[in-house]
């Protein structure tokens, strides 16, 4: 499952993916799928408490949007 956001801040499309049944990845490192960075609490990646969600579309999109808001706040 994938979800994309057009980022004005980065000037590119950012894609979230959930290749398995729980963990969510984002392609901020330029790599898609599970080669991307794993999203974690507080708008960070690859360290801390990883964020996962049920493999249902609405939960997935909500999780991606919520994390993206945190990431934008942390990276102003």
Protein backbone atom coordinates (compact mmCIF):
# COMPACT_ATOMS: atom_id res chain seq x y z
CA UNK A 1 0.00 0.00 0.00
CA UNK A 2 1.36 3.46 -0.86
CA UNK A 3 0.33 7.06 -0.25
CA UNK A 4 2.00 10.15 -1.75
CA UNK A 5 2.14 13.79 -0.65
CA UNK A 6 3.36 16.59 -2.92
CA UNK A 7 5.80 18.44 -0.69
CA UNK A 8 6.23 22.13 -1.39
CA UNK A 9 9.01 22.29 1.19
CA UNK A 10 11.09 19.59 -0.53
CA UNK A 11 9.89 20.34 -4.06
CA UNK A 12 9.08 16.69 -4.76
CA UNK A 13 6.60 13.93 -4.11
CA UNK A 14 7.09 12.03 -0.84
CA UNK A 15 5.77 8.48 -0.85
CA UNK A 16 4.81 6.43 2.18
CA UNK A 17 4.55 2.67 1.90
CA UNK A 18 3.45 -0.24 4.02
CA UNK A 19 4.94 -3.30 2.31
CA UNK A 20 4.12 -5.66 5.17
CA UNK A 21 1.32 -5.67 7.69
CA UNK A 22 2.46 -3.10 10.28
CA UNK A 23 5.48 -0.83 9.72
CA UNK A 24 5.34 2.32 7.59
CA UNK A 25 8.26 3.63 5.51
CA UNK A 26 8.90 6.96 3.76
CA UNK A 27 11.19 7.59 0.79
CA UNK A 28 13.04 10.62 2.22
CA UNK A 29 16.33 8.85 1.50
CA UNK A 30 15.40 8.40 -2.18
CA UNK A 31 14.59 4.70 -1.82
CA UNK A 32 11.11 3.24 -2.02
CA UNK A 33 9.36 0.59 0.03
CA UNK A 34 11.17 -1.14 2.88
CA UNK A 35 14.46 0.37 1.65
CA UNK A 36 13.11 3.76 2.69
CA UNK A 37 13.25 5.17 6.19
CA UNK A 38 10.98 3.80 8.90
CA UNK A 39 8.78 6.48 10.48
CA UNK A 40 9.04 6.98 14.26
CA UNK A 41 7.27 9.05 16.93
CA UNK A 42 8.01 12.76 16.96
CA UNK A 43 8.49 13.18 13.22
CA UNK A 44 11.83 11.36 13.04
CA UNK A 45 13.01 8.31 11.13
CA UNK A 46 14.97 5.16 11.88
CA UNK A 47 15.35 5.61 15.63
CA UNK A 48 12.97 5.90 18.53
CA UNK A 49 9.56 4.31 18.75
CA UNK A 50 8.58 3.09 15.31
CA UNK A 51 5.08 3.84 14.11
CA UNK A 52 2.89 1.19 12.60
CA UNK A 53 -0.76 0.90 11.72
CA UNK A 54 -3.36 -1.58 10.67
CA UNK A 55 -3.27 -2.46 6.97
CA UNK A 56 -6.49 -0.55 6.33
CA UNK A 57 -6.44 2.43 3.94
CA UNK A 58 -7.98 5.01 6.30
CA UNK A 59 -5.65 4.11 9.18
CA UNK A 60 -2.65 4.16 6.85
CA UNK A 61 -3.45 7.59 5.38
CA UNK A 62 -4.19 9.03 8.84
CA UNK A 63 -0.87 7.71 10.18
CA UNK A 64 1.07 9.14 7.22
CA UNK A 65 -0.52 12.58 7.46
CA UNK A 66 -0.06 12.76 11.23
CA UNK A 67 3.63 11.81 10.97
CA UNK A 68 4.19 14.24 8.07
CA UNK A 69 2.84 17.13 10.17
CA UNK A 70 5.28 16.18 12.95
CA UNK A 71 8.17 15.93 10.49
CA UNK A 72 7.41 19.37 9.04
CA UNK A 73 7.29 20.85 12.55
CA UNK A 74 10.65 19.28 13.47
CA UNK A 75 12.35 20.32 10.21
CA UNK A 76 11.40 23.99 9.87
